[in-house]
N, C-alpha and C. Protein backbone atom coordinates (compact mmCIF):
# COMPACT_ATOMS: atom_id res chain seq x y z
N MET A 1 -183.12 148.98 -61.14
CA MET A 1 -184.14 150.00 -60.36
C MET A 1 -183.47 149.28 -59.00
N LEU A 2 -183.02 148.24 -58.54
CA LEU A 2 -182.68 147.73 -57.44
C LEU A 2 -181.01 148.18 -57.17
N ILE A 3 -180.32 148.38 -58.38
CA ILE A 3 -178.94 148.82 -58.16
C ILE A 3 -179.08 150.49 -57.89
N LEU A 4 -180.13 151.04 -58.37
CA LEU A 4 -180.44 152.56 -58.33
C LEU A 4 -180.65 152.84 -56.55
N ARG A 5 -181.50 151.96 -55.98
CA ARG A 5 -182.18 151.82 -54.58
C ARG A 5 -180.92 151.77 -53.88
N LEU A 6 -180.06 150.74 -54.08
CA LEU A 6 -178.82 150.33 -53.23
C LEU A 6 -177.68 151.37 -53.46
N LEU A 7 -177.80 151.96 -54.49
CA LEU A 7 -176.72 153.25 -54.54
C LEU A 7 -177.29 154.47 -53.52
N PHE A 8 -178.19 154.67 -53.53
CA PHE A 8 -178.84 156.12 -52.72
C PHE A 8 -179.23 155.47 -51.45
N ILE A 9 -179.28 154.05 -51.07
CA ILE A 9 -179.27 153.60 -49.55
C ILE A 9 -177.96 153.81 -49.06
N LEU A 10 -176.87 153.32 -49.96
CA LEU A 10 -175.38 153.40 -49.47
C LEU A 10 -175.04 155.07 -49.11
N ALA A 11 -175.63 155.74 -50.29
CA ALA A 11 -175.02 157.17 -50.03
C ALA A 11 -176.03 157.66 -48.98
N ALA A 12 -177.02 157.37 -48.43
CA ALA A 12 -177.44 157.87 -47.27
C ALA A 12 -177.00 157.56 -46.07
N LEU A 13 -176.35 155.93 -46.01
CA LEU A 13 -175.83 155.83 -45.13
C LEU A 13 -174.08 156.53 -44.66
N SER A 14 -173.60 156.61 -46.07
CA SER A 14 -172.36 157.26 -46.06
C SER A 14 -172.21 158.54 -45.48
N ILE A 15 -173.40 159.58 -45.59
CA ILE A 15 -173.92 160.63 -45.39
C ILE A 15 -173.64 160.68 -43.94
N ILE A 16 -174.56 159.71 -43.44
CA ILE A 16 -175.08 159.83 -42.05
C ILE A 16 -173.79 159.47 -41.32
N LEU A 17 -172.79 158.61 -41.78
CA LEU A 17 -171.53 158.16 -40.99
C LEU A 17 -170.64 159.27 -40.97
N THR A 18 -170.34 159.72 -42.35
CA THR A 18 -169.52 161.10 -42.16
C THR A 18 -170.01 162.29 -41.56
N GLY A 19 -171.35 162.35 -41.29
CA GLY A 19 -171.77 163.46 -40.24
C GLY A 19 -171.34 163.15 -38.71
N GLY A 20 -171.74 161.48 -38.69
CA GLY A 20 -171.32 160.98 -37.09
C GLY A 20 -169.43 161.41 -36.76
N MET A 21 -168.90 161.06 -37.78
CA MET A 21 -167.53 161.01 -37.75
C MET A 21 -166.93 162.51 -37.49
N TYR A 22 -167.89 163.52 -38.09
CA TYR A 22 -167.39 164.95 -38.18
C TYR A 22 -167.75 165.37 -36.64
N LEU A 23 -169.07 164.78 -36.21
CA LEU A 23 -169.48 165.37 -34.96
C LEU A 23 -168.85 164.51 -33.90
N PHE A 24 -167.95 163.72 -34.03
CA PHE A 24 -167.22 162.78 -32.96
C PHE A 24 -165.64 163.44 -33.03
N THR A 25 -165.40 163.56 -34.55
CA THR A 25 -163.79 164.51 -34.20
C THR A 25 -163.46 165.80 -34.78
N ARG A 26 -164.89 166.45 -35.02
CA ARG A 26 -164.61 167.74 -35.60
C ARG A 26 -163.80 168.06 -36.48
N ASN A 27 -163.44 166.95 -37.41
CA ASN A 27 -162.55 167.08 -38.67
C ASN A 27 -163.32 167.72 -39.91
N ARG A 28 -163.10 168.91 -40.57
CA ARG A 28 -163.92 169.32 -41.63
C ARG A 28 -163.81 168.41 -42.93
N ARG A 29 -162.68 167.50 -42.72
CA ARG A 29 -162.72 166.69 -44.01
C ARG A 29 -163.79 165.72 -44.35
N TYR A 30 -164.59 165.16 -43.08
CA TYR A 30 -165.70 164.51 -43.24
C TYR A 30 -166.96 165.30 -43.71
N LEU A 31 -166.77 166.57 -43.55
CA LEU A 31 -167.80 167.40 -44.00
C LEU A 31 -167.49 167.49 -45.57
N ASN A 32 -166.80 167.79 -45.90
CA ASN A 32 -166.40 167.81 -47.03
C ASN A 32 -166.76 166.47 -48.02
N LEU A 33 -166.22 165.20 -47.53
CA LEU A 33 -166.80 164.11 -47.84
C LEU A 33 -168.16 163.72 -48.06
N ALA A 34 -168.83 164.39 -46.79
CA ALA A 34 -170.44 164.14 -47.06
C ALA A 34 -170.83 165.07 -48.33
N TRP A 35 -170.22 166.19 -48.22
CA TRP A 35 -170.55 167.20 -49.36
C TRP A 35 -170.76 166.56 -50.66
N GLN A 36 -169.70 165.95 -50.96
CA GLN A 36 -169.28 165.34 -52.15
C GLN A 36 -170.20 163.93 -52.45
N ILE A 37 -170.32 163.16 -51.72
CA ILE A 37 -171.49 162.29 -51.57
C ILE A 37 -172.92 162.86 -52.08
N VAL A 38 -173.23 163.87 -51.33
CA VAL A 38 -174.67 164.64 -51.75
C VAL A 38 -174.28 164.96 -53.17
N ARG A 39 -173.60 165.71 -53.65
CA ARG A 39 -173.50 166.14 -54.69
C ARG A 39 -173.52 164.78 -55.87
N PHE A 40 -173.10 163.48 -55.61
CA PHE A 40 -172.81 162.78 -56.77
C PHE A 40 -174.34 162.11 -56.67
N ALA A 41 -175.00 161.67 -55.64
CA ALA A 41 -176.04 161.44 -55.34
C ALA A 41 -177.53 162.09 -56.23
N ALA A 42 -176.93 163.61 -56.02
CA ALA A 42 -177.78 164.37 -56.59
C ALA A 42 -177.58 164.46 -58.38
N LEU A 43 -176.29 164.09 -58.53
CA LEU A 43 -175.93 164.19 -59.82
C LEU A 43 -176.56 162.61 -60.50
N ALA A 44 -176.31 161.78 -59.79
CA ALA A 44 -177.02 160.49 -60.08
C ALA A 44 -178.67 159.99 -60.27
N ALA A 45 -179.15 161.12 -59.58
CA ALA A 45 -180.59 161.00 -59.49
C ALA A 45 -181.07 162.00 -60.48
N LEU A 46 -180.45 162.90 -61.32
CA LEU A 46 -180.66 163.71 -62.09
C LEU A 46 -180.46 162.93 -63.73
N VAL A 47 -179.64 162.13 -63.27
CA VAL A 47 -179.30 161.26 -64.69
C VAL A 47 -180.36 160.32 -64.86
N PHE A 48 -180.69 159.80 -63.67
CA PHE A 48 -181.67 158.64 -63.69
C PHE A 48 -182.95 159.62 -64.34
N ALA A 49 -183.48 160.68 -63.59
CA ALA A 49 -184.49 161.13 -64.37
C ALA A 49 -184.58 161.59 -65.49
N ALA A 50 -183.48 161.96 -66.22
CA ALA A 50 -183.21 162.06 -67.46
C ALA A 50 -183.63 161.03 -68.03
N LEU A 51 -183.04 160.23 -68.02
CA LEU A 51 -183.28 158.83 -68.71
C LEU A 51 -184.71 158.25 -68.81
N TYR A 52 -185.17 158.66 -67.36
CA TYR A 52 -186.73 158.25 -67.40
C TYR A 52 -187.48 158.85 -68.06
N LEU A 53 -187.43 160.18 -68.25
CA LEU A 53 -187.90 160.96 -69.18
C LEU A 53 -187.66 160.28 -70.85
N LEU A 54 -186.73 160.36 -70.97
CA LEU A 54 -186.36 160.01 -72.45
C LEU A 54 -187.19 158.89 -72.66
N GLU A 55 -186.90 157.75 -71.81
CA GLU A 55 -187.82 156.74 -72.21
C GLU A 55 -189.09 156.80 -72.18
N ARG A 56 -189.73 157.37 -71.26
CA ARG A 56 -191.07 157.45 -70.92
C ARG A 56 -191.72 158.25 -72.22
N TYR A 57 -191.14 159.37 -72.54
CA TYR A 57 -191.71 160.21 -73.54
C TYR A 57 -191.37 160.54 -74.84
N VAL A 58 -189.82 160.30 -75.05
CA VAL A 58 -189.04 160.30 -76.57
C VAL A 58 -189.35 159.04 -77.00
N LEU A 59 -189.00 157.67 -76.38
CA LEU A 59 -189.05 156.38 -77.34
C LEU A 59 -190.21 155.95 -77.33
N ILE A 60 -191.33 156.19 -76.44
CA ILE A 60 -192.68 155.94 -76.83
C ILE A 60 -193.25 156.94 -77.62
N GLY A 61 -192.78 158.03 -77.95
CA GLY A 61 -193.74 158.77 -78.89
C GLY A 61 -193.16 158.35 -79.96
N TRP A 62 -191.84 158.18 -80.25
CA TRP A 62 -191.27 157.89 -81.60
C TRP A 62 -192.02 156.30 -82.00
N LYS A 63 -192.09 155.11 -80.95
CA LYS A 63 -192.97 153.96 -81.46
C LYS A 63 -194.35 154.49 -82.10
N ILE A 64 -194.72 155.40 -81.44
CA ILE A 64 -196.36 155.68 -81.65
C ILE A 64 -196.21 156.36 -83.55
N LEU A 65 -195.03 157.17 -83.79
CA LEU A 65 -194.79 157.65 -84.99
C LEU A 65 -194.64 156.89 -85.81
N LEU A 66 -194.14 155.65 -85.76
CA LEU A 66 -193.53 154.63 -86.67
C LEU A 66 -194.86 153.58 -86.86
């Protein structure tokens, strides 16, 4: 859980920094990089949510059946 929090904190800081670099330089590649970071963070959140649901409902339900 700690690693996941650090990942999202680093993603947020990276988005803020790339947004600031875009405002400073007006170079579109910084916006593209920020968008890639947002997509990666969203994908990581979806994977984490799927694993959490798998653990919560499927694996615990499987223990009850056995």
